Amino acid sequence: MTINLIFRIAAVGILVSVLGQVLKHSGREEHAFLISLAGLLLVLFWIVPYIYELFETIKTLFSL
């Protein structure tokens, strides 16, 4: 995992929180929820390959 990934996740978190606050104050709470969900899915798509790699490493480590 590179430091670049951590910075991208932090940037998405900041962007989602700012957009969420703006949308909530303008009365569009449904859109704020969808923005939060989209940010979560984006970060999960970035993280899933690293989680898969971790499980594969543990699998080979214990020879399962």
PDB file of N, CA and C in Angstrom:
ATOM      1  N   MET A   1       0.850  -1.175   0.000  1.00  0.00           N
ATOM      2  CA  MET A   1       0.000   0.000   0.000  1.00  0.00           C
ATOM      3  C   MET A   1       0.895   1.238   0.000  1.00  0.00           C
ATOM      4  N   THR A   2       0.604   2.153  -0.870  1.00  0.00           N
ATOM      5  CA  THR A   2       1.435   3.338  -0.979  1.00  0.00           C
ATOM      6  C   THR A   2       0.812   4.495  -0.207  1.00  0.00           C
ATOM      7  N   ILE A   3       1.618   5.483   0.040  1.00  0.00           N
ATOM      8  CA  ILE A   3       1.139   6.683   0.732  1.00  0.00           C
ATOM      9  C   ILE A   3       0.166   7.456  -0.155  1.00  0.00           C
ATOM     10  N   ASN A   4       0.293   7.255  -1.465  1.00  0.00           N
ATOM     11  CA  ASN A   4      -0.595   7.905  -2.424  1.00  0.00           C
ATOM     12  C   ASN A   4      -2.048   7.479  -2.198  1.00  0.00           C
ATOM     13  N   LEU A   5      -2.258   6.209  -1.903  1.00  0.00           N
ATOM     14  CA  LEU A   5      -3.607   5.704  -1.638  1.00  0.00           C
ATOM     15  C   LEU A   5      -4.195   6.346  -0.389  1.00  0.00           C
ATOM     16  N   ILE A   6      -3.388   6.508   0.633  1.00  0.00           N
ATOM     17  CA  ILE A   6      -3.869   7.137   1.869  1.00  0.00           C
ATOM     18  C   ILE A   6      -4.266   8.580   1.615  1.00  0.00           C
ATOM     19  N   PHE A   7      -3.487   9.285   0.816  1.00  0.00           N
ATOM     20  CA  PHE A   7      -3.830  10.667   0.492  1.00  0.00           C
ATOM     21  C   PHE A   7      -5.098  10.755  -0.347  1.00  0.00           C
ATOM     22  N   ARG A   8      -5.291   9.808  -1.263  1.00  0.00           N
ATOM     23  CA  ARG A   8      -6.516   9.800  -2.074  1.00  0.00           C
ATOM     24  C   ARG A   8      -7.744   9.542  -1.204  1.00  0.00           C
ATOM     25  N   ILE A   9      -7.618   8.608  -0.252  1.00  0.00           N
ATOM     26  CA  ILE A   9      -8.734   8.323   0.653  1.00  0.00           C
ATOM     27  C   ILE A   9      -9.053   9.542   1.508  1.00  0.00           C
ATOM     28  N   ALA A  10      -8.022  10.216   1.991  1.00  0.00           N
ATOM     29  CA  ALA A  10      -8.240  11.425   2.792  1.00  0.00           C
ATOM     30  C   ALA A  10      -8.904  12.517   1.958  1.00  0.00           C
ATOM     31  N   ALA A  11      -8.484  12.659   0.710  1.00  0.00           N
ATOM     32  CA  ALA A  11      -9.084  13.680  -0.154  1.00  0.00           C
ATOM     33  C   ALA A  11     -10.556  13.381  -0.421  1.00  0.00           C
ATOM     34  N   VAL A  12     -10.878  12.119  -0.639  1.00  0.00           N
ATOM     35  CA  VAL A  12     -12.280  11.748  -0.848  1.00  0.00           C
ATOM     36  C   VAL A  12     -13.084  12.015   0.417  1.00  0.00           C
ATOM     37  N   GLY A  13     -12.526  11.714   1.576  1.00  0.00           N
ATOM     38  CA  GLY A  13     -13.215  11.970   2.837  1.00  0.00           C
ATOM     39  C   GLY A  13     -13.496  13.446   3.059  1.00  0.00           C
ATOM     40  N   ILE A  14     -12.517  14.291   2.774  1.00  0.00           N
ATOM     41  CA  ILE A  14     -12.714  15.734   2.928  1.00  0.00           C
ATOM     42  C   ILE A  14     -13.749  16.250   1.947  1.00  0.00           C
ATOM     43  N   LEU A  15     -13.650  15.812   0.708  1.00  0.00           N
ATOM     44  CA  LEU A  15     -14.594  16.244  -0.313  1.00  0.00           C
ATOM     45  C   LEU A  15     -16.018  15.797   0.004  1.00  0.00           C
ATOM     46  N   VAL A  16     -16.178  14.568   0.440  1.00  0.00           N
ATOM     47  CA  VAL A  16     -17.510  14.061   0.779  1.00  0.00           C
ATOM     48  C   VAL A  16     -18.093  14.811   1.974  1.00  0.00           C
ATOM     49  N   SER A  17     -17.272  15.094   2.973  1.00  0.00           N
ATOM     50  CA  SER A  17     -17.803  15.800   4.140  1.00  0.00           C
ATOM     51  C   SER A  17     -18.198  17.231   3.804  1.00  0.00           C
ATOM     52  N   VAL A  18     -17.423  17.910   2.978  1.00  0.00           N
ATOM     53  CA  VAL A  18     -17.777  19.282   2.585  1.00  0.00           C
ATOM     54  C   VAL A  18     -19.047  19.283   1.738  1.00  0.00           C
ATOM     55  N   LEU A  19     -19.096  18.401   0.754  1.00  0.00           N
ATOM     56  CA  LEU A  19     -20.300  18.329  -0.078  1.00  0.00           C
ATOM     57  C   LEU A  19     -21.517  17.918   0.741  1.00  0.00           C
ATOM     58  N   GLY A  20     -21.337  17.011   1.675  1.00  0.00           N
ATOM     59  CA  GLY A  20     -22.439  16.587   2.527  1.00  0.00           C
ATOM     60  C   GLY A  20     -22.986  17.720   3.372  1.00  0.00           C
ATOM     61  N   GLN A  21     -22.104  18.526   3.934  1.00  0.00           N
ATOM     62  CA  GLN A  21     -22.550  19.670   4.743  1.00  0.00           C
ATOM     63  C   GLN A  21     -23.272  20.704   3.893  1.00  0.00           C
ATOM     64  N   VAL A  22     -22.749  20.976   2.717  1.00  0.00           N
ATOM     65  CA  VAL A  22     -23.397  21.946   1.825  1.00  0.00           C
ATOM     66  C   VAL A  22     -24.783  21.458   1.427  1.00  0.00           C
ATOM     67  N   LEU A  23     -24.883  20.189   1.091  1.00  0.00           N
ATOM     68  CA  LEU A  23     -26.178  19.651   0.679  1.00  0.00           C
ATOM     69  C   LEU A  23     -27.162  19.582   1.840  1.00  0.00           C
ATOM     70  N   LYS A  24     -26.688  19.266   3.040  1.00  0.00           N
ATOM     71  CA  LYS A  24     -27.578  19.217   4.196  1.00  0.00           C
ATOM     72  C   LYS A  24     -28.113  20.599   4.539  1.00  0.00           C
ATOM     73  N   HIS A  25     -27.277  21.609   4.450  1.00  0.00           N
ATOM     74  CA  HIS A  25     -27.722  22.971   4.775  1.00  0.00           C
ATOM     75  C   HIS A  25     -28.651  23.534   3.705  1.00  0.00           C
ATOM     76  N   SER A  26     -28.580  22.995   2.500  1.00  0.00           N
ATOM     77  CA  SER A  26     -29.486  23.459   1.457  1.00  0.00           C
ATOM     78  C   SER A  26     -30.777  22.641   1.421  1.00  0.00           C
ATOM     79  N   GLY A  27     -30.910  21.676   2.342  1.00  0.00           N
ATOM     80  CA  GLY A  27     -32.139  20.913   2.441  1.00  0.00           C
ATOM     81  C   GLY A  27     -32.202  19.680   1.575  1.00  0.00           C
ATOM     82  N   ARG A  28     -31.104  19.256   1.054  1.00  0.00           N
ATOM     83  CA  ARG A  28     -31.077  18.072   0.183  1.00  0.00           C
ATOM     84  C   ARG A  28     -30.352  16.928   0.883  1.00  0.00           C
ATOM     85  N   GLU A  29     -30.977  16.442   1.938  1.00  0.00           N
ATOM     86  CA  GLU A  29     -30.343  15.400   2.737  1.00  0.00           C
ATOM     87  C   GLU A  29     -30.236  14.081   1.981  1.00  0.00           C
ATOM     88  N   GLU A  30     -31.163  13.817   1.071  1.00  0.00           N
ATOM     89  CA  GLU A  30     -31.091  12.584   0.289  1.00  0.00           C
ATOM     90  C   GLU A  30     -29.858  12.574  -0.610  1.00  0.00           C
ATOM     91  N   HIS A  31     -29.581  13.725  -1.213  1.00  0.00           N
ATOM     92  CA  HIS A  31     -28.392  13.814  -2.062  1.00  0.00           C
ATOM     93  C   HIS A  31     -27.113  13.711  -1.231  1.00  0.00           C
ATOM     94  N   ALA A  32     -27.130  14.265  -0.030  1.00  0.00           N
ATOM     95  CA  ALA A  32     -25.967  14.162   0.847  1.00  0.00           C
ATOM     96  C   ALA A  32     -25.693  12.711   1.209  1.00  0.00           C
ATOM     97  N   PHE A  33     -26.758  11.953   1.458  1.00  0.00           N
ATOM     98  CA  PHE A  33     -26.602  10.532   1.748  1.00  0.00           C
ATOM     99  C   PHE A  33     -26.021   9.794   0.543  1.00  0.00           C
ATOM    100  N   LEU A  34     -26.501  10.107  -0.644  1.00  0.00           N
ATOM    101  CA  LEU A  34     -25.997   9.447  -1.848  1.00  0.00           C
ATOM    102  C   LEU A  34     -24.532   9.783  -2.115  1.00  0.00           C
ATOM    103  N   ILE A  35     -24.148  11.022  -1.829  1.00  0.00           N
ATOM    104  CA  ILE A  35     -22.738  11.411  -1.971  1.00  0.00           C
ATOM    105  C   ILE A  35     -21.873  10.621  -0.996  1.00  0.00           C
ATOM    106  N   SER A  36     -22.351  10.465   0.238  1.00  0.00           N
ATOM    107  CA  SER A  36     -21.605   9.682   1.230  1.00  0.00           C
ATOM    108  C   SER A  36     -21.483   8.231   0.796  1.00  0.00           C
ATOM    109  N   LEU A  37     -22.553   7.678   0.285  1.00  0.00           N
ATOM    110  CA  LEU A  37     -22.534   6.296  -0.183  1.00  0.00           C
ATOM    111  C   LEU A  37     -21.591   6.126  -1.371  1.00  0.00           C
ATOM    112  N   ALA A  38     -21.600   7.071  -2.280  1.00  0.00           N
ATOM    113  CA  ALA A  38     -20.700   7.009  -3.437  1.00  0.00           C
ATOM    114  C   ALA A  38     -19.241   7.097  -2.999  1.00  0.00           C
ATOM    115  N   GLY A  39     -18.944   7.953  -2.039  1.00  0.00           N
ATOM    116  CA  GLY A  39     -17.578   8.050  -1.520  1.00  0.00           C
ATOM    117  C   GLY A  39     -17.129   6.762  -0.855  1.00  0.00           C
ATOM    118  N   LEU A  40     -18.028   6.152  -0.104  1.00  0.00           N
ATOM    119  CA  LEU A  40     -17.713   4.885   0.545  1.00  0.00           C
ATOM    120  C   LEU A  40     -17.440   3.795  -0.479  1.00  0.00           C
ATOM    121  N   LEU A  41     -18.265   3.704  -1.502  1.00  0.00           N
ATOM    122  CA  LEU A  41     -18.065   2.687  -2.539  1.00  0.00           C
ATOM    123  C   LEU A  41     -16.771   2.906  -3.311  1.00  0.00           C
ATOM    124  N   LEU A  42     -16.453   4.158  -3.586  1.00  0.00           N
ATOM    125  CA  LEU A  42     -15.208   4.462  -4.295  1.00  0.00           C
ATOM    126  C   LEU A  42     -13.998   4.004  -3.490  1.00  0.00           C
ATOM    127  N   VAL A  43     -13.991   4.313  -2.210  1.00  0.00           N
ATOM    128  CA  VAL A  43     -12.874   3.916  -1.357  1.00  0.00           C
ATOM    129  C   VAL A  43     -12.820   2.398  -1.221  1.00  0.00           C
ATOM    130  N   LEU A  44     -13.971   1.749  -1.134  1.00  0.00           N
ATOM    131  CA  LEU A  44     -13.972   0.287  -1.048  1.00  0.00           C
ATOM    132  C   LEU A  44     -13.397  -0.350  -2.303  1.00  0.00           C
ATOM    133  N   PHE A  45     -13.713   0.206  -3.474  1.00  0.00           N
ATOM    134  CA  PHE A  45     -13.144  -0.331  -4.708  1.00  0.00           C
ATOM    135  C   PHE A  45     -11.629  -0.174  -4.736  1.00  0.00           C
ATOM    136  N   TRP A  46     -11.113   0.867  -4.102  1.00  0.00           N
ATOM    137  CA  TRP A  46      -9.662   1.049  -4.037  1.00  0.00           C
ATOM    138  C   TRP A  46      -9.022   0.080  -3.050  1.00  0.00           C
ATOM    139  N   ILE A  47      -9.726  -0.267  -1.971  1.00  0.00           N
ATOM    140  CA  ILE A  47      -9.153  -1.050  -0.879  1.00  0.00           C
ATOM    141  C   ILE A  47      -9.281  -2.556  -1.101  1.00  0.00           C
ATOM    142  N   VAL A  48     -10.302  -2.997  -1.815  1.00  0.00           N
ATOM    143  CA  VAL A  48     -10.571  -4.435  -1.970  1.00  0.00           C
ATOM    144  C   VAL A  48      -9.365  -5.217  -2.505  1.00  0.00           C
ATOM    145  N   PRO A  49      -8.623  -4.740  -3.497  1.00  0.00           N
ATOM    146  CA  PRO A  49      -7.458  -5.535  -3.940  1.00  0.00           C
ATOM    147  C   PRO A  49      -6.409  -5.734  -2.838  1.00  0.00           C
ATOM    148  N   TYR A  50      -6.235  -4.761  -1.990  1.00  0.00           N
ATOM    149  CA  TYR A  50      -5.269  -4.900  -0.896  1.00  0.00           C
ATOM    150  C   TYR A  50      -5.767  -5.890   0.151  1.00  0.00           C
ATOM    151  N   ILE A  51      -7.072  -5.915   0.409  1.00  0.00           N
ATOM    152  CA  ILE A  51      -7.637  -6.884   1.343  1.00  0.00           C
ATOM    153  C   ILE A  51      -7.503  -8.291   0.776  1.00  0.00           C
ATOM    154  N   TYR A  52      -7.753  -8.442  -0.525  1.00  0.00           N
ATOM    155  CA  TYR A  52      -7.587  -9.752  -1.172  1.00  0.00           C
ATOM    156  C   TYR A  52      -6.131 -10.221  -1.072  1.00  0.00           C
ATOM    157  N   GLU A  53      -5.218  -9.303  -1.307  1.00  0.00           N
ATOM    158  CA  GLU A  53      -3.799  -9.649  -1.210  1.00  0.00           C
ATOM    159  C   GLU A  53      -3.428 -10.058   0.209  1.00  0.00           C
ATOM    160  N   LEU A  54      -3.995  -9.388   1.198  1.00  0.00           N
ATOM    161  CA  LEU A  54      -3.739  -9.741   2.595  1.00  0.00           C
ATOM    162  C   LEU A  54      -4.230 -11.144   2.900  1.00  0.00           C
ATOM    163  N   PHE A  55      -5.446 -11.482   2.459  1.00  0.00           N
ATOM    164  CA  PHE A  55      -5.975 -12.817   2.715  1.00  0.00           C
ATOM    165  C   PHE A  55      -5.169 -13.887   1.985  1.00  0.00           C
ATOM    166  N   GLU A  56      -4.717 -13.596   0.784  1.00  0.00           N
ATOM    167  CA  GLU A  56      -3.885 -14.551   0.062  1.00  0.00           C
ATOM    168  C   GLU A  56      -2.546 -14.762   0.771  1.00  0.00           C
ATOM    169  N   THR A  57      -1.980 -13.719   1.305  1.00  0.00           N
ATOM    170  CA  THR A  57      -0.719 -13.845   2.036  1.00  0.00           C
ATOM    171  C   THR A  57      -0.911 -14.661   3.298  1.00  0.00           C
ATOM    172  N   ILE A  58      -1.999 -14.429   4.014  1.00  0.00           N
ATOM    173  CA  ILE A  58      -2.271 -15.205   5.226  1.00  0.00           C
ATOM    174  C   ILE A  58      -2.518 -16.668   4.861  1.00  0.00           C
ATOM    175  N   LYS A  59      -3.212 -16.881   3.760  1.00  0.00           N
ATOM    176  CA  LYS A  59      -3.490 -18.253   3.310  1.00  0.00           C
ATOM    177  C   LYS A  59      -2.193 -19.001   2.998  1.00  0.00           C
ATOM    178  N   THR A  60      -1.278 -18.362   2.293  1.00  0.00           N
ATOM    179  CA  THR A  60      -0.016 -19.015   1.981  1.00  0.00           C
ATOM    180  C   THR A  60       0.886 -19.146   3.220  1.00  0.00           C
ATOM    181  N   LEU A  61       0.750 -18.213   4.135  1.00  0.00           N
ATOM    182  CA  LEU A  61       1.564 -18.270   5.345  1.00  0.00           C
ATOM    183  C   LEU A  61       1.197 -19.492   6.185  1.00  0.00           C
ATOM    184  N   PHE A  62      -0.077 -19.759   6.309  1.00  0.00           N
ATOM    185  CA  PHE A  62      -0.529 -20.899   7.105  1.00  0.00           C
ATOM    186  C   PHE A  62      -0.762 -22.147   6.260  1.00  0.00           C
ATOM    187  N   SER A  63      -0.494 -22.086   4.995  1.00  0.00           N
ATOM    188  CA  SER A  63      -0.633 -23.204   4.060  1.00  0.00           C
ATOM    189  C   SER A  63      -2.008 -23.859   4.125  1.00  0.00           C
ATOM    190  N   LEU A  64      -3.023 -23.035   3.988  1.00  0.00           N
ATOM    191  CA  LEU A  64      -4.394 -23.557   4.036  1.00  0.00           C
ATOM    192  C   LEU A  64      -4.888 -23.908   2.657  1.00  0.00           C
TER     193      LEU A  64
END
